[in-house]
Amino acid sequence: MRPELALDDFALCGEMSRLLRLLDETRGGAIRLIEVRDGIPRRMLVESQAYCTTDPAGRDLKSEMQRTAWYFPAHNGPG
C-alpha cells in the first residue's frame, strides 16, 4: 500500500500544482497533449481560437487557431 493513501492531506510537487492551476485556467480551448515522465507533468499543449474578425453584419471573416505550450521545468522535492 502506498503510504500517502493513509494521509488526509499531502503536498504536491510544484509541477503538479502548476498543471492543476493551468487546467483550472484553461477556458475555451482544447487540451491536445499532456506529457508526463516518471509521474511528473512535463509539457501541456492547448489549442484555442486566437481571434475572430467579423464584418459589419456580424459574420465571421477569419478565425485562426492558436497553440500554446507550457513546459514544466525539472524540480527536485515538494512545492
Protein backbone atom coordinates (compact mmCIF):
# COMPACT_ATOMS: atom_id res chain seq x y z
CA MET A 1 0.00 0.00 0.00
CA ARG A 2 1.24 3.49 -0.82
CA PRO A 3 1.91 5.44 2.40
CA GLU A 4 0.28 8.67 1.14
CA LEU A 5 -3.09 6.89 0.83
CA ALA A 6 -3.39 6.93 4.63
CA LEU A 7 -2.88 10.72 4.80
CA ASP A 8 -5.75 13.20 4.94
CA ASP A 9 -3.63 15.77 3.10
CA PHE A 10 -0.23 15.83 1.42
CA ALA A 11 1.89 18.26 -0.56
CA LEU A 12 2.00 18.08 -4.34
CA CYS A 13 5.18 18.80 -6.27
CA GLY A 14 5.39 22.21 -7.92
CA GLU A 15 4.90 20.79 -11.41
CA MET A 16 1.65 19.03 -10.43
CA SER A 17 0.34 22.14 -8.67
CA ARG A 18 1.10 24.22 -11.77
CA LEU A 19 -0.61 21.68 -14.05
CA LEU A 20 -3.77 21.74 -11.92
CA ARG A 21 -3.76 25.57 -11.88
CA LEU A 22 -3.35 25.70 -15.67
CA LEU A 23 -6.18 23.19 -16.13
CA ASP A 24 -8.42 25.41 -13.97
CA GLU A 25 -7.45 28.47 -16.04
CA THR A 26 -7.97 26.85 -19.46
CA ARG A 27 -11.15 28.32 -20.93
CA GLY A 28 -12.48 27.91 -24.44
CA GLY A 29 -9.64 25.68 -25.55
CA ALA A 30 -8.88 22.05 -26.11
CA ILE A 31 -6.06 20.28 -24.31
CA ARG A 32 -4.26 18.42 -27.08
CA LEU A 33 -1.42 16.91 -25.08
CA ILE A 34 -0.25 16.41 -21.51
CA GLU A 35 3.21 14.85 -21.47
CA VAL A 36 4.09 13.01 -18.26
CA ARG A 37 7.51 11.50 -17.50
CA ASP A 38 8.15 9.45 -14.36
CA GLY A 39 4.77 10.54 -12.99
CA ILE A 40 5.59 14.26 -13.31
CA PRO A 41 3.90 16.53 -15.88
CA ARG A 42 6.49 17.98 -18.26
CA ARG A 43 4.51 19.64 -21.06
CA MET A 44 0.94 20.65 -21.92
CA LEU A 45 -0.31 21.78 -25.32
CA VAL A 46 -3.57 23.77 -25.53
CA GLU A 47 -5.30 24.77 -28.75
CA SER A 48 -7.72 27.71 -28.73
CA GLN A 49 -9.24 30.24 -31.08
CA ALA A 50 -6.76 33.11 -31.37
CA TYR A 51 -9.08 35.72 -32.82
CA CYS A 52 -12.11 36.12 -34.96
CA THR A 53 -12.79 39.15 -37.15
CA THR A 54 -16.33 39.98 -38.16
CA ASP A 55 -17.86 42.10 -40.87
CA PRO A 56 -20.43 44.86 -40.08
CA ALA A 57 -23.23 42.27 -40.26
CA GLY A 58 -21.50 40.19 -37.56
CA ARG A 59 -20.42 37.34 -39.84
CA ASP A 60 -17.09 35.66 -39.13
CA LEU A 61 -14.49 36.59 -41.72
CA LYS A 62 -11.36 34.99 -40.34
CA SER A 63 -10.64 32.73 -37.45
CA GLU A 64 -7.32 31.15 -36.56
CA MET A 65 -6.33 28.54 -34.06
CA GLN A 66 -3.57 29.28 -31.60
CA ARG A 67 -1.42 26.65 -29.92
CA THR A 68 0.13 27.39 -26.57
CA ALA A 69 2.66 25.09 -24.94
CA TRP A 70 3.56 25.16 -21.25
CA TYR A 71 6.75 23.49 -20.08
CA PHE A 72 7.26 22.30 -16.53
CA PRO A 73 10.96 22.51 -15.59
CA ALA A 74 12.51 19.66 -13.68
CA HIS A 75 12.25 20.26 -9.95
CA ASN A 76 13.52 18.25 -7.02
CA GLY A 77 11.38 17.95 -3.94
CA PRO A 78 7.87 19.15 -2.98
CA GLY A 79 6.32 22.50 -3.73
